Amino acid sequence: MPKPICRWTVGGSDISKEGLECLELATYKARRLFPECDLFIVYNNLPDKPLAFIKQIGLPLINANESECILEPSPDRTEWLIWPPRVRKDVHEITMDNDIVLLRRHPVIDMFFKGGNLFFATESFNERHYGNYADVVPEGGMNINSGMYGMPPGFDFEKWIINFYIKYGRREYSHPNPQGVVAAMLKTQKNLRIISNKHIILSPIMRYVIDSWDKVLERDKTYGLHFTGLNKGLTVDNWVNFKCASNDEDMLKLRDKWKAF
């Protein structure tokens, strides 16, 4: 029987070293957190050195531009962030950005794996950041951050995207467009759970809720850290604080290795 999937998306010709480190820590932890899953890294437009880095992580790689999809991501857009829409349609599938580190399994994730038609996502930082698709994302409820979301078996996300583009068009480039597409999809689902940003903490609010990085793992409510902007070097301070001050055992094992790369 095919296993559920956890996949990470990484890409960009200017991705930071810290963004790659975050990906390796995330996948390192996931091997223990999701023993029932197959793990994949989906990549796009990586120079030789970052590509060599993700290869040494040791997980199967998928080139976003070589996926077998009817619809291809436009090269001048950020659509590759959600490509391929599904790796396996017949299983539960979680997709994550490379700048999210899960520290423990959230109860919503356990509900997701047990349920037949449950979708889930994470909460954004108090804003509707949906690019040129903001007008088609339903109002109300928590705002969605597409850094991590889950889709149940049988859901054809590619078909949904094709129909979405037929109805609303493939709109002018805006970096958060893919988040708008994902949010529009999720907000139309009857069975959706959203994990609070108090549980998956985003960079803009880390300084308000994390008073001591060496004690971050002791916070009962902290299930994960989302270092938004890390790939562009925008939130390096938060990452360095976590990397240097936390007592995370997995981080301690990887830190010396990263110095040599």
Protein backbone atom coordinates (compact mmCIF):
# COMPACT_ATOMS: atom_id res chain seq x y z
CA MET A 1 0.00 0.00 0.00
CA PRO A 2 1.44 3.43 -0.96
CA LYS A 3 2.66 5.49 1.97
CA PRO A 4 1.55 9.04 2.80
CA ILE A 5 3.87 11.77 1.59
CA CYS A 6 5.71 14.69 3.16
CA ARG A 7 7.45 16.93 0.65
CA TRP A 8 9.52 20.10 0.86
CA THR A 9 9.83 22.77 -1.82
CA VAL A 10 13.10 24.63 -2.35
CA GLY A 11 14.42 26.76 -5.18
CA GLY A 12 15.81 30.00 -6.50
CA SER A 13 19.19 30.96 -7.92
CA ASP A 14 19.88 33.21 -4.91
CA ILE A 15 18.78 30.92 -2.07
CA SER A 16 20.69 31.56 1.14
CA LYS A 17 22.92 29.06 2.93
CA GLU A 18 20.68 29.46 5.97
CA GLY A 19 17.64 28.43 3.92
CA LEU A 20 19.41 25.21 2.94
CA GLU A 21 20.42 24.53 6.54
CA CYS A 22 16.82 24.96 7.61
CA LEU A 23 15.72 22.43 5.00
CA GLU A 24 18.19 19.83 6.23
CA LEU A 25 17.14 20.29 9.85
CA ALA A 26 13.47 20.02 8.84
CA THR A 27 14.02 16.78 6.93
CA TYR A 28 16.27 15.40 9.67
CA LYS A 29 13.49 15.84 12.22
CA ALA A 30 10.81 14.59 9.84
CA ARG A 31 12.45 11.17 9.58
CA ARG A 32 11.54 10.71 13.24
CA LEU A 33 8.25 12.66 13.27
CA PHE A 34 6.75 10.95 10.21
CA PRO A 35 7.99 7.34 10.16
CA GLU A 36 4.90 6.27 8.21
CA CYS A 37 5.61 8.64 5.31
CA ASP A 38 7.72 8.75 2.16
CA LEU A 39 9.77 11.95 2.13
CA PHE A 40 10.69 13.98 -0.97
CA ILE A 41 12.42 17.25 -1.81
CA VAL A 42 11.00 19.18 -4.79
CA TYR A 43 13.48 21.67 -6.25
CA ASN A 44 13.61 24.31 -8.95
CA ASN A 45 16.35 26.42 -10.53
CA LEU A 46 19.11 25.65 -8.05
CA PRO A 47 22.77 26.46 -8.85
CA ASP A 48 25.32 23.65 -8.58
CA LYS A 49 26.38 24.22 -4.96
CA PRO A 50 22.85 24.39 -3.45
CA LEU A 51 21.87 21.39 -5.58
CA ALA A 52 24.87 19.46 -4.22
CA PHE A 53 23.78 20.42 -0.71
CA ILE A 54 20.26 19.04 -1.08
CA LYS A 55 21.59 15.88 -2.74
CA GLN A 56 23.70 15.09 0.32
CA ILE A 57 20.58 15.24 2.52
CA GLY A 58 19.79 11.82 1.08
CA LEU A 59 16.09 12.07 0.18
CA PRO A 60 14.58 11.41 -3.27
CA LEU A 61 14.56 14.58 -5.40
CA ILE A 62 11.90 15.82 -7.82
CA ASN A 63 12.66 18.54 -10.36
CA ALA A 64 9.56 20.77 -10.43
CA ASN A 65 10.13 21.54 -14.11
CA GLU A 66 10.25 17.87 -15.10
CA SER A 67 7.08 16.71 -13.35
CA GLU A 68 4.49 14.89 -15.45
CA CYS A 69 1.73 17.50 -15.36
CA ILE A 70 -0.68 18.60 -18.07
CA LEU A 71 -0.12 22.22 -17.07
CA GLU A 72 3.46 23.47 -16.83
CA PRO A 73 4.55 26.24 -14.43
CA SER A 74 5.46 29.46 -16.23
CA PRO A 75 9.24 30.04 -15.96
CA ASP A 76 8.81 33.76 -15.18
CA ARG A 77 6.43 33.12 -12.28
CA THR A 78 6.57 31.57 -8.83
CA GLU A 79 4.15 28.76 -9.73
CA TRP A 80 6.93 26.21 -9.21
CA LEU A 81 6.30 26.74 -5.47
CA ILE A 82 3.21 24.52 -5.82
CA TRP A 83 4.54 22.22 -8.57
CA PRO A 84 3.86 19.40 -9.03
CA PRO A 85 0.42 19.92 -7.45
CA ARG A 86 0.46 16.30 -6.24
CA VAL A 87 3.19 13.68 -6.04
CA ARG A 88 0.64 10.92 -5.37
CA LYS A 89 -3.08 11.62 -5.62
CA ASP A 90 -4.08 8.41 -3.88
CA VAL A 91 -2.49 9.14 -0.48
CA HIS A 92 -2.42 11.83 2.19
CA GLU A 93 0.12 14.45 1.14
CA ILE A 94 1.72 17.26 3.16
CA THR A 95 3.65 19.96 1.33
CA MET A 96 6.01 22.32 3.16
CA ASP A 97 8.31 25.20 2.37
CA ASN A 98 11.98 24.58 3.14
CA ASP A 99 11.99 27.30 5.83
CA ILE A 100 9.61 25.49 8.22
CA VAL A 101 10.97 23.28 11.01
CA LEU A 102 8.46 21.08 12.80
CA LEU A 103 9.53 20.33 16.37
CA ARG A 104 6.67 17.94 17.19
CA ARG A 105 3.52 16.60 15.54
CA HIS A 106 0.51 18.83 15.88
CA PRO A 107 -2.81 17.10 16.76
CA VAL A 108 -4.29 18.45 13.52
CA ILE A 109 -1.71 16.45 11.56
CA ASP A 110 -2.75 13.29 13.39
CA MET A 111 -6.40 14.10 12.58
CA PHE A 112 -5.41 14.63 8.95
CA PHE A 113 -3.78 11.22 8.59
CA LYS A 114 -6.73 9.48 10.26
CA GLY A 115 -9.45 11.32 8.33
CA GLY A 116 -10.59 10.56 4.80
CA ASN A 117 -11.28 14.04 3.46
CA LEU A 118 -9.62 16.51 5.83
CA PHE A 119 -7.51 19.42 4.52
CA PHE A 120 -5.27 21.54 6.73
CA ALA A 121 -3.04 24.61 6.53
CA THR A 122 -1.24 27.09 8.79
CA GLU A 123 -2.33 30.57 9.80
CA SER A 124 -0.63 33.63 8.33
CA PHE A 125 0.48 36.74 10.18
CA ASN A 126 -2.75 38.76 10.35
CA GLU A 127 -2.99 39.57 6.65
CA ARG A 128 -4.47 38.43 3.33
CA HIS A 129 -1.21 37.96 1.44
CA TYR A 130 -2.63 36.40 -1.73
CA GLY A 131 -1.11 38.42 -4.55
CA ASN A 132 -3.31 39.06 -7.58
CA TYR A 133 -5.77 36.38 -6.47
CA ALA A 134 -6.81 38.13 -3.25
CA ASP A 135 -10.20 39.02 -4.71
CA VAL A 136 -11.14 35.37 -5.27
CA VAL A 137 -10.10 34.05 -1.83
CA PRO A 138 -13.20 33.92 0.38
CA GLU A 139 -13.26 36.34 3.31
CA GLY A 140 -13.67 35.28 6.91
CA GLY A 141 -11.91 32.95 9.31
CA MET A 142 -8.17 32.69 9.76
CA ASN A 143 -5.91 33.91 6.95
CA ILE A 144 -3.88 31.16 5.31
CA ASN A 145 -0.13 30.79 4.95
CA SER A 146 0.69 28.17 2.32
CA GLY A 147 4.03 27.27 3.91
CA MET A 148 2.47 23.99 5.03
CA TYR A 149 -0.76 22.39 3.91
CA GLY A 150 -2.22 18.92 3.62
CA MET A 151 -4.43 17.30 0.96
CA PRO A 152 -6.36 14.03 1.37
CA PRO A 153 -6.32 10.99 -0.92
CA GLY A 154 -8.22 11.40 -4.16
CA PHE A 155 -8.02 15.19 -4.39
CA ASP A 156 -6.81 16.22 -7.87
CA PHE A 157 -5.11 19.54 -7.20
CA GLU A 158 -3.82 19.88 -10.76
CA LYS A 159 -7.34 19.53 -12.18
CA TRP A 160 -8.54 22.08 -9.63
CA ILE A 161 -5.82 24.55 -10.70
CA ILE A 162 -6.68 24.11 -14.40
CA ASN A 163 -10.34 24.87 -13.72
CA PHE A 164 -9.34 27.78 -11.49
CA TYR A 165 -7.24 29.32 -14.28
CA ILE A 166 -10.05 28.80 -16.78
CA LYS A 167 -12.40 30.71 -14.49
CA TYR A 168 -10.10 33.46 -13.17
CA GLY A 169 -7.18 33.51 -15.61
CA ARG A 170 -3.45 33.09 -15.13
CA ARG A 171 -2.89 36.52 -13.71
CA GLU A 172 0.02 38.94 -13.87
CA TYR A 173 3.06 38.01 -11.81
CA SER A 174 3.06 38.68 -8.08
CA HIS A 175 5.29 36.69 -5.74
CA PRO A 176 2.47 35.56 -3.40
CA ASN A 177 0.22 34.38 -6.27
CA PRO A 178 0.76 30.68 -5.43
CA GLN A 179 -0.35 31.34 -1.86
CA GLY A 180 -3.50 32.92 -3.28
CA VAL A 181 -4.16 29.82 -5.39
CA VAL A 182 -3.64 27.49 -2.42
CA ALA A 183 -5.76 29.66 -0.13
CA ALA A 184 -8.58 29.82 -2.70
CA MET A 185 -8.51 26.02 -2.94
CA LEU A 186 -8.44 25.44 0.81
CA LYS A 187 -11.07 28.04 1.69
CA THR A 188 -13.59 26.27 -0.56
CA GLN A 189 -13.17 22.95 1.25
CA LYS A 190 -15.87 21.95 3.73
CA ASN A 191 -13.47 20.04 5.97
CA LEU A 192 -10.56 22.41 6.68
CA ARG A 193 -8.46 22.84 9.82
CA ILE A 194 -6.01 25.72 10.24
CA ILE A 195 -3.10 25.50 12.69
CA SER A 196 -2.71 28.72 14.68
CA ASN A 197 0.36 30.93 14.27
CA LYS A 198 0.73 30.54 18.03
CA HIS A 199 1.66 26.91 17.32
CA ILE A 200 3.64 27.31 14.09
CA ILE A 201 5.42 30.58 14.88
CA LEU A 202 6.30 32.86 11.97
CA SER A 203 9.38 35.11 11.84
CA PRO A 204 7.51 38.43 12.27
CA ILE A 205 6.18 37.37 15.68
CA MET A 206 9.10 35.27 16.98
CA ARG A 207 10.56 38.19 18.94
CA TYR A 208 7.24 38.69 20.73
CA VAL A 209 6.64 35.11 21.83
CA ILE A 210 10.12 33.60 22.17
CA ASP A 211 11.84 35.18 25.17
CA SER A 212 14.65 32.63 25.37
CA TRP A 213 15.87 30.57 22.40
CA ASP A 214 17.52 28.00 24.64
CA LYS A 215 14.07 27.26 26.11
CA VAL A 216 12.05 27.29 22.88
CA LEU A 217 11.74 23.51 22.86
CA GLU A 218 10.16 23.63 26.32
CA ARG A 219 7.20 25.75 25.17
CA ASP A 220 4.17 23.44 25.10
CA LYS A 221 2.46 25.48 22.39
CA THR A 222 5.43 25.54 19.99
CA TYR A 223 4.98 22.82 17.39
CA GLY A 224 7.13 24.45 14.73
CA LEU A 225 9.03 27.52 13.54
CA HIS A 226 8.49 29.18 10.16
CA PHE A 227 11.49 31.32 9.24
CA THR A 228 9.68 33.30 6.54
CA GLY A 229 12.08 35.27 4.36
CA LEU A 230 15.08 33.13 5.29
CA ASN A 231 15.74 32.03 1.72
CA LYS A 232 16.36 35.67 0.77
CA GLY A 233 18.44 36.34 3.89
CA LEU A 234 15.73 38.52 5.46
CA THR A 235 15.30 36.73 8.80
CA VAL A 236 18.80 35.39 9.36
CA ASP A 237 18.93 36.74 12.93
CA ASN A 238 16.09 34.46 14.05
CA TRP A 239 17.76 31.46 12.44
CA VAL A 240 21.18 32.28 13.93
CA ASN A 241 19.59 32.67 17.38
CA PHE A 242 17.94 29.27 17.07
CA LYS A 243 21.04 27.70 15.59
CA CYS A 244 23.47 29.01 18.20
CA ALA A 245 21.43 29.31 21.38
CA SER A 246 18.92 26.47 21.32
CA ASN A 247 19.58 23.13 22.96
CA ASP A 248 18.00 21.26 20.06
CA GLU A 249 19.85 17.93 19.79
CA ASP A 250 19.33 17.60 16.05
CA MET A 251 20.69 21.11 15.49
CA LEU A 252 23.77 20.30 17.56
CA LYS A 253 24.45 17.25 15.38
CA LEU A 254 24.23 19.23 12.14
CA ARG A 255 25.95 22.48 13.08
CA ASP A 256 29.55 21.31 12.64
CA LYS A 257 28.69 19.61 9.39
CA TRP A 258 27.34 22.88 7.96
CA LYS A 259 30.59 24.72 8.81
CA ALA A 260 32.46 22.40 6.45
CA PHE A 261 30.08 22.73 3.52
